[in-house]
C-alpha atoms as a PDB file:
ATOM      1  CA  MET A   1      10.550   7.075  14.593  1.00  0.00           C
ATOM      2  CA  TYR A   2      12.689   6.102  11.596  1.00  0.00           C
ATOM      3  CA  LEU A   3      10.295   6.890   8.746  1.00  0.00           C
ATOM      4  CA  ASP A   4      11.758  10.260   7.955  1.00  0.00           C
ATOM      5  CA  HIS A   5      15.337   8.957   8.349  1.00  0.00           C
ATOM      6  CA  TYR A   6      14.940   6.392   5.723  1.00  0.00           C
ATOM      7  CA  GLY A   7      12.245   8.259   3.624  1.00  0.00           C
ATOM      8  CA  PHE A   8       9.464   5.715   4.208  1.00  0.00           C
ATOM      9  CA  SER A   9       5.803   6.574   3.990  1.00  0.00           C
ATOM     10  CA  ALA A  10       4.799   3.590   6.196  1.00  0.00           C
ATOM     11  CA  LYS A  11       6.548   1.035   8.401  1.00  0.00           C
ATOM     12  CA  PRO A  12       7.613  -1.643   5.938  1.00  0.00           C
ATOM     13  CA  PHE A  13       7.849  -4.525   8.526  1.00  0.00           C
ATOM     14  CA  SER A  14       4.865  -3.821  10.794  1.00  0.00           C
ATOM     15  CA  LYS A  15       3.575  -6.692  12.921  1.00  0.00           C
ATOM     16  CA  THR A  16      -0.054  -5.975  11.936  1.00  0.00           C
ATOM     17  CA  PRO A  17      -1.507  -8.163   9.225  1.00  0.00           C
ATOM     18  CA  ASP A  18      -1.987  -5.385   6.574  1.00  0.00           C
ATOM     19  CA  PRO A  19      -3.134  -6.869   3.271  1.00  0.00           C
ATOM     20  CA  ARG A  20      -1.315  -4.098   1.434  1.00  0.00           C
ATOM     21  CA  PHE A  21       1.977  -5.673   2.455  1.00  0.00           C
ATOM     22  CA  LEU A  22       0.988  -9.226   1.385  1.00  0.00           C
ATOM     23  CA  TYR A  23       3.762 -10.527  -0.893  1.00  0.00           C
ATOM     24  CA  GLU A  24       2.191 -13.269  -2.896  1.00  0.00           C
ATOM     25  CA  ALA A  25       5.009 -15.849  -2.879  1.00  0.00           C
ATOM     26  CA  ARG A  26       4.134 -18.969  -4.739  1.00  0.00           C
ATOM     27  CA  GLY A  27       2.851 -20.707  -1.653  1.00  0.00           C
ATOM     28  CA  HIS A  28       0.947 -17.782  -0.310  1.00  0.00           C
ATOM     29  CA  ALA A  29      -0.663 -17.140  -3.748  1.00  0.00           C
ATOM     30  CA  GLU A  30      -1.730 -20.847  -3.932  1.00  0.00           C
ATOM     31  CA  ALA A  31      -3.124 -20.708  -0.434  1.00  0.00           C
ATOM     32  CA  LEU A  32      -5.140 -17.587  -1.132  1.00  0.00           C
ATOM     33  CA  ALA A  33      -6.493 -18.904  -4.467  1.00  0.00           C
ATOM     34  CA  ARG A  34      -7.642 -22.076  -2.716  1.00  0.00           C
ATOM     35  CA  MET A  35      -9.289 -20.157   0.067  1.00  0.00           C
ATOM     36  CA  GLN A  36     -11.260 -18.059  -2.572  1.00  0.00           C
ATOM     37  CA  TYR A  37     -12.179 -21.171  -4.432  1.00  0.00           C
ATOM     38  CA  ALA A  38     -13.468 -22.785  -1.174  1.00  0.00           C
ATOM     39  CA  VAL A  39     -15.612 -19.864  -0.513  1.00  0.00           C
ATOM     40  CA  GLU A  40     -16.977 -19.768  -4.059  1.00  0.00           C
ATOM     41  CA  GLU A  41     -17.783 -23.471  -3.909  1.00  0.00           C
ATOM     42  CA  ARG A  42     -19.065 -23.218  -0.309  1.00  0.00           C
ATOM     43  CA  GLU A  43     -16.590 -25.910   0.906  1.00  0.00           C
ATOM     44  CA  ILE A  44     -14.802 -26.455   4.167  1.00  0.00           C
ATOM     45  CA  MET A  45     -11.077 -25.616   3.799  1.00  0.00           C
ATOM     46  CA  VAL A  46      -8.257 -26.149   6.310  1.00  0.00           C
ATOM     47  CA  LEU A  47      -5.217 -24.038   6.099  1.00  0.00           C
ATOM     48  CA  THR A  48      -2.195 -24.918   8.336  1.00  0.00           C
ATOM     49  CA  GLY A  49       1.232 -23.493   8.656  1.00  0.00           C
ATOM     50  CA  GLU A  50       3.974 -22.909  11.341  1.00  0.00           C
ATOM     51  CA  ILE A  51       3.770 -19.996  13.794  1.00  0.00           C
ATOM     52  CA  GLY A  52       4.496 -16.757  11.877  1.00  0.00           C
ATOM     53  CA  SER A  53       4.105 -18.251   8.328  1.00  0.00           C
ATOM     54  CA  GLY A  54       1.566 -15.612   7.313  1.00  0.00           C
ATOM     55  CA  LYS A  55      -1.726 -17.355   7.835  1.00  0.00           C
ATOM     56  CA  THR A  56      -3.420 -14.433   9.567  1.00  0.00           C
ATOM     57  CA  THR A  57      -2.261 -12.061   6.858  1.00  0.00           C
ATOM     58  CA  LEU A  58      -3.852 -14.322   4.273  1.00  0.00           C
ATOM     59  CA  THR A  59      -7.232 -14.343   6.036  1.00  0.00           C
ATOM     60  CA  ARG A  60      -7.194 -10.561   6.020  1.00  0.00           C
ATOM     61  CA  ALA A  61      -6.326 -10.561   2.285  1.00  0.00           C
ATOM     62  CA  LEU A  62      -9.098 -12.982   1.575  1.00  0.00           C
ATOM     63  CA  ILE A  63     -11.630 -10.728   3.444  1.00  0.00           C
ATOM     64  CA  ASP A  64     -10.297  -7.834   1.338  1.00  0.00           C
ATOM     65  CA  ARG A  65     -10.805  -9.781  -1.867  1.00  0.00           C
ATOM     66  CA  LEU A  66     -14.265 -10.917  -1.052  1.00  0.00           C
ATOM     67  CA  GLY A  67     -15.431  -7.401  -0.441  1.00  0.00           C
ATOM     68  CA  GLU A  68     -19.179  -7.117  -0.609  1.00  0.00           C
ATOM     69  CA  SER A  69     -19.530 -10.445  -2.433  1.00  0.00           C
ATOM     70  CA  ALA A  70     -19.783 -12.463   0.789  1.00  0.00           C
ATOM     71  CA  THR A  71     -20.914 -12.080   4.404  1.00  0.00           C
ATOM     72  CA  VAL A  72     -17.760 -12.709   6.501  1.00  0.00           C
ATOM     73  CA  VAL A  73     -17.823 -14.039  10.014  1.00  0.00           C
ATOM     74  CA  LEU A  74     -14.288 -13.906  11.434  1.00  0.00           C
ATOM     75  CA  ILE A  75     -13.472 -15.424  14.722  1.00  0.00           C
ATOM     76  CA  VAL A  76      -9.927 -14.797  15.988  1.00  0.00           C
ATOM     77  CA  ASN A  77     -10.171 -16.167  19.475  1.00  0.00           C
ATOM     78  CA  PRO A  78     -11.862 -19.587  19.163  1.00  0.00           C
ATOM     79  CA  HIS A  79     -11.206 -20.765  22.728  1.00  0.00           C
ATOM     80  CA  LEU A  80     -14.963 -20.952  23.112  1.00  0.00           C
ATOM     81  CA  THR A  81     -17.437 -23.455  24.328  1.00  0.00           C
ATOM     82  CA  PRO A  82     -19.673 -24.929  21.619  1.00  0.00           C
ATOM     83  CA  THR A  83     -22.554 -22.600  22.706  1.00  0.00           C
ATOM     84  CA  GLN A  84     -20.239 -19.480  22.751  1.00  0.00           C
ATOM     85  CA  LEU A  85     -19.039 -20.481  19.181  1.00  0.00           C
ATOM     86  CA  LEU A  86     -22.530 -20.638  17.868  1.00  0.00           C
ATOM     87  CA  ARG A  87     -23.367 -17.345  19.509  1.00  0.00           C
ATOM     88  CA  ALA A  88     -20.330 -15.675  17.895  1.00  0.00           C
ATOM     89  CA  ILE A  89     -21.371 -17.043  14.500  1.00  0.00           C
ATOM     90  CA  ALA A  90     -24.954 -15.896  15.059  1.00  0.00           C
ATOM     91  CA  ALA A  91     -23.751 -12.436  16.123  1.00  0.00           C
ATOM     92  CA  GLY A  92     -21.440 -12.232  13.117  1.00  0.00           C
ATOM     93  CA  LEU A  93     -24.355 -12.980  10.894  1.00  0.00           C
ATOM     94  CA  LYS A  94     -26.051 -10.004  12.408  1.00  0.00           C
ATOM     95  CA  THR A  95     -28.657 -11.997  14.527  1.00  0.00           C
ATOM     96  CA  GLU A  96     -30.047  -9.294  16.835  1.00  0.00           C
ATOM     97  CA  HIS A  97     -30.703 -11.438  19.878  1.00  0.00           C
ATOM     98  CA  PRO A  98     -28.669 -14.684  19.725  1.00  0.00           C
ATOM     99  CA  ALA A  99     -30.402 -17.425  21.725  1.00  0.00           C
ATOM    100  CA  ARG A 100     -29.065 -19.292  24.685  1.00  0.00           C
ATOM    101  CA  SER A 101     -29.680 -22.856  23.721  1.00  0.00           C
ATOM    102  CA  ARG A 102     -27.786 -24.689  20.873  1.00  0.00           C
ATOM    103  CA  HIS A 103     -30.920 -25.859  19.281  1.00  0.00           C
ATOM    104  CA  ASP A 104     -32.373 -22.261  19.015  1.00  0.00           C
ATOM    105  CA  LEU A 105     -28.952 -20.834  17.922  1.00  0.00           C
ATOM    106  CA  ARG A 106     -28.738 -23.422  15.037  1.00  0.00           C
ATOM    107  CA  SER A 107     -32.252 -22.301  13.922  1.00  0.00           C
ATOM    108  CA  GLN A 108     -31.221 -18.664  14.016  1.00  0.00           C
ATOM    109  CA  ILE A 109     -28.049 -19.385  12.126  1.00  0.00           C
ATOM    110  CA  ASN A 110     -29.943 -21.362   9.506  1.00  0.00           C
ATOM    111  CA  ALA A 111     -32.395 -18.380   9.094  1.00  0.00           C
ATOM    112  CA  ALA A 112     -29.560 -15.889   8.766  1.00  0.00           C
ATOM    113  CA  LEU A 113     -27.793 -17.979   6.149  1.00  0.00           C
ATOM    114  CA  TYR A 114     -30.765 -18.104   3.980  1.00  0.00           C
ATOM    115  CA  GLU A 115     -31.183 -14.413   4.261  1.00  0.00           C
ATOM    116  CA  CYS A 116     -27.464 -13.881   3.263  1.00  0.00           C
ATOM    117  CA  ASP A 117     -27.974 -16.164   0.253  1.00  0.00           C
ATOM    118  CA  ARG A 118     -31.063 -14.340  -0.770  1.00  0.00           C
ATOM    119  CA  ALA A 119     -29.300 -11.039  -0.581  1.00  0.00           C
ATOM    120  CA  GLY A 120     -26.502 -12.474  -2.837  1.00  0.00           C
ATOM    121  CA  ARG A 121     -23.846 -12.395  -0.139  1.00  0.00           C
ATOM    122  CA  PRO A 122     -23.439 -15.983   0.887  1.00  0.00           C
ATOM    123  CA  ALA A 123     -21.729 -16.528   4.187  1.00  0.00           C
ATOM    124  CA  VAL A 124     -18.153 -17.731   5.101  1.00  0.00           C
ATOM    125  CA  ALA A 125     -17.046 -18.424   8.643  1.00  0.00           C
ATOM    126  CA  ILE A 126     -13.220 -17.923   9.043  1.00  0.00           C
ATOM    127  CA  ILE A 127     -11.857 -19.309  12.304  1.00  0.00           C
ATOM    128  CA  ASP A 128      -8.263 -18.271  12.988  1.00  0.00           C
ATOM    129  CA  GLU A 129      -6.127 -20.210  15.426  1.00  0.00           C
ATOM    130  CA  ALA A 130      -8.619 -23.037  15.090  1.00  0.00           C
ATOM    131  CA  GLN A 131      -6.428 -25.584  16.792  1.00  0.00           C
ATOM    132  CA  LEU A 132      -7.592 -23.830  19.971  1.00  0.00           C
ATOM    133  CA  LEU A 133     -11.157 -24.933  19.601  1.00  0.00           C
ATOM    134  CA  PRO A 134     -11.734 -26.923  22.873  1.00  0.00           C
ATOM    135  CA  GLY A 135     -12.882 -30.430  22.593  1.00  0.00           C
ATOM    136  CA  ARG A 136     -14.586 -32.384  19.877  1.00  0.00           C
ATOM    137  CA  GLU A 137     -18.064 -30.813  20.527  1.00  0.00           C
ATOM    138  CA  ALA A 138     -17.019 -27.433  18.983  1.00  0.00           C
ATOM    139  CA  PHE A 139     -15.874 -29.183  15.798  1.00  0.00           C
ATOM    140  CA  GLU A 140     -19.093 -31.256  15.731  1.00  0.00           C
ATOM    141  CA  GLU A 141     -21.130 -27.907  15.902  1.00  0.00           C
ATOM    142  CA  LEU A 142     -19.202 -26.726  12.745  1.00  0.00           C
ATOM    143  CA  ARG A 143     -19.999 -30.033  10.949  1.00  0.00           C
ATOM    144  CA  LEU A 144     -23.683 -29.589  11.807  1.00  0.00           C
ATOM    145  CA  LEU A 145     -23.691 -26.138  10.328  1.00  0.00           C
ATOM    146  CA  THR A 146     -22.723 -27.617   7.038  1.00  0.00           C
ATOM    147  CA  ASN A 147     -26.025 -29.493   7.019  1.00  0.00           C
ATOM    148  CA  PHE A 148     -27.713 -26.144   6.200  1.00  0.00           C
ATOM    149  CA  GLN A 149     -27.833 -26.441   2.388  1.00  0.00           C
ATOM    150  CA  TYR A 150     -29.931 -26.360  -0.845  1.00  0.00           C
ATOM    151  CA  ASP A 151     -30.010 -29.493  -3.037  1.00  0.00           C
ATOM    152  CA  HIS A 152     -27.236 -27.930  -5.097  1.00  0.00           C
ATOM    153  CA  ALA A 153     -25.160 -25.926  -2.680  1.00  0.00           C
ATOM    154  CA  ASN A 154     -24.204 -25.357   1.014  1.00  0.00           C
ATOM    155  CA  LEU A 155     -25.310 -22.160   2.681  1.00  0.00           C
ATOM    156  CA  LEU A 156     -22.040 -21.763   4.559  1.00  0.00           C
ATOM    157  CA  SER A 157     -18.432 -22.138   3.668  1.00  0.00           C
ATOM    158  CA  ILE A 158     -15.879 -22.556   6.548  1.00  0.00           C
ATOM    159  CA  VAL A 159     -12.158 -21.832   6.506  1.00  0.00           C
ATOM    160  CA  LEU A 160     -10.252 -23.297   9.466  1.00  0.00           C
ATOM    161  CA  VAL A 161      -6.829 -21.691   9.917  1.00  0.00           C
ATOM    162  CA  GLY A 162      -4.341 -22.952  12.391  1.00  0.00           C
ATOM    163  CA  GLN A 163      -0.951 -24.412  13.302  1.00  0.00           C
ATOM    164  CA  PRO A 164      -0.074 -27.949  12.294  1.00  0.00           C
ATOM    165  CA  GLU A 165      -1.671 -29.258  15.490  1.00  0.00           C
ATOM    166  CA  LEU A 166      -5.038 -28.410  13.745  1.00  0.00           C
ATOM    167  CA  GLY A 167      -4.367 -31.115  11.113  1.00  0.00           C
ATOM    168  CA  ARG A 168      -3.446 -33.682  13.824  1.00  0.00           C
ATOM    169  CA  ARG A 169      -6.688 -32.928  15.670  1.00  0.00           C
ATOM    170  CA  LEU A 170      -8.836 -33.238  12.600  1.00  0.00           C
ATOM    171  CA  ALA A 171      -7.213 -36.704  11.959  1.00  0.00           C
ATOM    172  CA  HIS A 172      -8.747 -38.066  15.224  1.00  0.00           C
ATOM    173  CA  PRO A 173     -11.116 -40.842  14.506  1.00  0.00           C
ATOM    174  CA  GLY A 174     -13.724 -39.000  16.536  1.00  0.00           C
ATOM    175  CA  LEU A 175     -13.769 -36.240  13.977  1.00  0.00           C
ATOM    176  CA  ALA A 176     -13.979 -38.525  10.974  1.00  0.00           C
ATOM    177  CA  ALA A 177     -17.537 -37.194  10.024  1.00  0.00           C
ATOM    178  CA  LEU A 178     -16.231 -33.642   9.771  1.00  0.00           C
ATOM    179  CA  SER A 179     -12.874 -34.555   8.204  1.00  0.00           C
ATOM    180  CA  GLN A 180     -14.708 -36.360   5.339  1.00  0.00           C
ATOM    181  CA  ARG A 181     -16.556 -33.065   4.528  1.00  0.00           C
ATOM    182  CA  ILE A 182     -13.301 -31.094   4.238  1.00  0.00           C
ATOM    183  CA  GLY A 183     -13.060 -30.221   0.555  1.00  0.00           C
ATOM    184  CA  MET A 184      -9.572 -28.677   0.566  1.00  0.00           C
ATOM    185  CA  ARG A 185      -6.448 -28.691   2.564  1.00  0.00           C
ATOM    186  CA  TYR A 186      -3.184 -26.588   2.270  1.00  0.00           C
ATOM    187  CA  HIS A 187      -0.095 -26.342   4.294  1.00  0.00           C
ATOM    188  CA  LEU A 188       1.843 -23.116   4.199  1.00  0.00           C
ATOM    189  CA  GLY A 189       5.520 -23.755   4.207  1.00  0.00           C
ATOM    190  CA  PRO A 190       8.452 -21.203   4.852  1.00  0.00           C
ATOM    191  CA  LEU A 191       9.623 -18.953   2.034  1.00  0.00           C
ATOM    192  CA  PRO A 192      12.559 -20.276  -0.078  1.00  0.00           C
ATOM    193  CA  ALA A 193      15.652 -18.164  -0.018  1.00  0.00           C
ATOM    194  CA  GLU A 194      15.002 -16.268  -3.357  1.00  0.00           C
ATOM    195  CA  GLU A 195      11.411 -15.507  -2.150  1.00  0.00           C
ATOM    196  CA  VAL A 196      12.704 -13.993   1.163  1.00  0.00           C
ATOM    197  CA  GLU A 197      14.682 -11.379  -0.949  1.00  0.00           C
ATOM    198  CA  ARG A 198      11.612 -10.690  -3.054  1.00  0.00           C
ATOM    199  CA  TYR A 199       9.409 -10.469   0.026  1.00  0.00           C
ATOM    200  CA  ILE A 200      11.748  -7.897   1.535  1.00  0.00           C
ATOM    201  CA  ASP A 201      12.011  -5.834  -1.595  1.00  0.00           C
ATOM    202  CA  TYR A 202       8.250  -5.810  -2.029  1.00  0.00           C
ATOM    203  CA  ARG A 203       7.599  -4.520   1.483  1.00  0.00           C
ATOM    204  CA  LEU A 204      10.129  -1.790   1.046  1.00  0.00           C
ATOM    205  CA  ARG A 205       8.620  -0.618  -2.149  1.00  0.00           C
ATOM    206  CA  VAL A 206       5.114  -0.552  -0.588  1.00  0.00           C
ATOM    207  CA  ALA A 207       6.599   1.565   2.135  1.00  0.00           C
ATOM    208  CA  GLY A 208       7.932   4.113  -0.362  1.00  0.00           C
ATOM    209  CA  TRP A 209      11.449   2.978  -1.056  1.00  0.00           C
ATOM    210  CA  ASP A 210      12.380   3.443  -4.789  1.00  0.00           C
ATOM    211  CA  PRO A 211      15.559   1.350  -5.579  1.00  0.00           C
ATOM    212  CA  GLY A 212      15.698   2.845  -9.026  1.00  0.00           C
ATOM    213  CA  ALA A 213      16.313   6.308  -7.629  1.00  0.00           C
ATOM    214  CA  ARG A 214      18.024   5.530  -4.382  1.00  0.00           C
ATOM    215  CA  GLY A 215      19.811   2.213  -4.896  1.00  0.00           C
ATOM    216  CA  PRO A 216      19.557  -1.023  -2.811  1.00  0.00           C
ATOM    217  CA  PHE A 217      18.504  -0.660   0.825  1.00  0.00           C
ATOM    218  CA  TRP A 218      20.540  -3.689   2.002  1.00  0.00           C
ATOM    219  CA  ASP A 219      23.959  -4.905   0.953  1.00  0.00           C
ATOM    220  CA  GLU A 220      24.202  -8.416  -0.327  1.00  0.00           C
ATOM    221  CA  ASP A 221      25.749  -9.793   2.954  1.00  0.00           C
ATOM    222  CA  ALA A 222      22.995  -8.262   5.039  1.00  0.00           C
ATOM    223  CA  LEU A 223      20.288  -9.974   2.813  1.00  0.00           C
ATOM    224  CA  ALA A 224      22.096 -13.173   2.979  1.00  0.00           C
ATOM    225  CA  ALA A 225      22.053 -12.885   6.864  1.00  0.00           C
ATOM    226  CA  LEU A 226      18.367 -12.102   6.876  1.00  0.00           C
ATOM    227  CA  VAL A 227      17.633 -15.210   4.641  1.00  0.00           C
ATOM    228  CA  GLU A 228      19.730 -17.478   6.897  1.00  0.00           C
ATOM    229  CA  LEU A 229      18.609 -16.160  10.198  1.00  0.00           C
ATOM    230  CA  SER A 230      14.745 -16.003   9.435  1.00  0.00           C
ATOM    231  CA  ARG A 231      14.540 -19.468   8.061  1.00  0.00           C
ATOM    232  CA  GLY A 232      11.966 -18.144   5.636  1.00  0.00           C
ATOM    233  CA  ILE A 233       9.336 -17.387   8.367  1.00  0.00           C
ATOM    234  CA  PRO A 234       7.603 -14.118   7.465  1.00  0.00           C
ATOM    235  CA  ARG A 235       7.124 -13.121  11.160  1.00  0.00           C
ATOM    236  CA  ILE A 236      10.835 -13.596  11.954  1.00  0.00           C
ATOM    237  CA  ILE A 237      11.773 -11.744   8.792  1.00  0.00           C
ATOM    238  CA  ASN A 238       9.574  -8.810   9.965  1.00  0.00           C
ATOM    239  CA  ALA A 239      10.922  -8.790  13.521  1.00  0.00           C
ATOM    240  CA  LEU A 240      14.557  -9.035  12.282  1.00  0.00           C
ATOM    241  CA  ALA A 241      14.212  -6.378   9.531  1.00  0.00           C
ATOM    242  CA  SER A 242      12.286  -3.997  11.768  1.00  0.00           C
ATOM    243  CA  THR A 243      14.907  -4.249  14.563  1.00  0.00           C
ATOM    244  CA  ALA A 244      17.752  -3.755  11.945  1.00  0.00           C
ATOM    245  CA  LEU A 245      16.026  -0.619  10.849  1.00  0.00           C
ATOM    246  CA  LEU A 246      16.107   0.661  14.507  1.00  0.00           C
ATOM    247  CA  VAL A 247      19.737  -0.337  14.870  1.00  0.00           C
ATOM    248  CA  GLY A 248      20.564   1.409  11.573  1.00  0.00           C
ATOM    249  CA  TYR A 249      18.728   4.524  12.757  1.00  0.00           C
ATOM    250  CA  GLY A 250      20.638   4.456  16.002  1.00  0.00           C
ATOM    251  CA  ARG A 251      23.963   4.402  14.013  1.00  0.00           C
ATOM    252  CA  GLU A 252      22.637   7.056  11.576  1.00  0.00           C
ATOM    253  CA  ALA A 253      23.170   4.537   8.695  1.00  0.00           C
ATOM    254  CA  ARG A 254      21.285   5.025   5.426  1.00  0.00           C
ATOM    255  CA  ARG A 255      21.914   1.457   4.257  1.00  0.00           C
ATOM    256  CA  ILE A 256      21.750  -1.795   6.198  1.00  0.00           C
ATOM    257  CA  ASP A 257      24.804  -3.866   6.301  1.00  0.00           C
ATOM    258  CA  ARG A 258      25.539  -7.361   7.777  1.00  0.00           C
ATOM    259  CA  SER A 259      26.780  -6.056  11.070  1.00  0.00           C
ATOM    260  CA  ILE A 260      23.511  -4.264  11.686  1.00  0.00           C
ATOM    261  CA  VAL A 261      21.417  -7.400  10.913  1.00  0.00           C
ATOM    262  CA  LEU A 262      23.633  -9.474  13.289  1.00  0.00           C
ATOM    263  CA  GLU A 263      23.222  -6.956  16.111  1.00  0.00           C
ATOM    264  CA  ALA A 264      19.470  -7.077  15.535  1.00  0.00           C
ATOM    265  CA  ALA A 265      19.567 -10.902  15.665  1.00  0.00           C
ATOM    266  CA  ASP A 266      21.360 -10.655  19.016  1.00  0.00           C
ATOM    267  CA  GLU A 267      18.800  -8.286  20.388  1.00  0.00           C
ATOM    268  CA  LEU A 268      16.031 -10.628  19.450  1.00  0.00           C
ATOM    269  CA  ALA A 269      18.001 -13.650  20.741  1.00  0.00           C
ATOM    270  CA  ILE A 270      17.860 -15.331  17.299  1.00  0.00           C
ATOM    271  CA  ARG A 271      20.416 -18.064  17.328  1.00  0.00           C
ATOM    272  CA  ARG A 272      23.048 -18.124  14.560  1.00  0.00           C
ATOM    273  CA  LYS A 273      24.423 -21.288  13.017  1.00  0.00           C
ATOM    274  CA  PRO A 274      27.915 -22.017  14.402  1.00  0.00           C
ATOM    275  CA  VAL A 275      30.681 -21.194  12.009  1.00  0.00           C
ATOM    276  CA  GLU A 276      32.603 -24.272  10.890  1.00  0.00           C
ATOM    277  CA  ASN A 277      36.261 -24.391  11.599  1.00  0.00           C
ATOM    278  CA  ARG A 278      37.877 -24.899   8.277  1.00  0.00           C
ATOM    279  CA  GLU A 279      41.535 -24.441   9.406  1.00  0.00           C
ATOM    280  CA  SER A 280      43.621 -27.493   8.795  1.00  0.00           C
ATOM    281  CA  VAL A 281      45.286 -28.979  11.983  1.00  0.00           C
ATOM    282  CA  ASN A 282      48.821 -30.314  11.567  1.00  0.00           C
ATOM    283  CA  GLY A 283      50.118 -32.858  13.980  1.00  0.00           C
END
């Protein structure tokens, strides 16, 4: 809609978790490096972060980086019974006819894990929104899968990704056996102000904007408003910036100013901080 108007080759603030647009801020780069290390060491890792902090995009970037070096099982809707969870993992490991009983499913998964390892593509199970796993039994099944191992290494690495509730659930005494096997934990926080500006600039460049030839896309006040209103949450940044582009397109603007960002915030019902009254009162 607005690509030609602004001269973009792609939408710079799309909602889809496209790894091309992953800006590796310090926290995101650290999280991704730890995820890779957990896979290499065949550990269990827990990645938590607030809604919209970029966790799903990081999982897609991890899969991209692993390429053909690993067999990846990605579960994006983990609201599953323990049996359904095992069947999903078995299917992800290319088991032709996943069994119906948990015992048989574990045997199939064990055999598949050995095959992956022999083929030089060890397996990793990435479970997004893992805080939605129902009950303790599902977590217990994941723990049991980590029993599949050689003397020197596990056959399966597990990356649990979720909102902060995931950390609280894993702290339950009933999950102590699983919690003790977690080799790495990382919490993804919001972007600091300076990183928000770099994040926005990076995505514009990937989408085809050349500031050297065409100058800045946002004025300073517009950027300041984006930083303040987004609170450093990538999903809010994307929604606010994307809506600002539509507002700017409607105004036939070539650059985005503060009034456009504020109108976009109003459309999205993003609350602004109240302006302090600095006028002195005589009396």
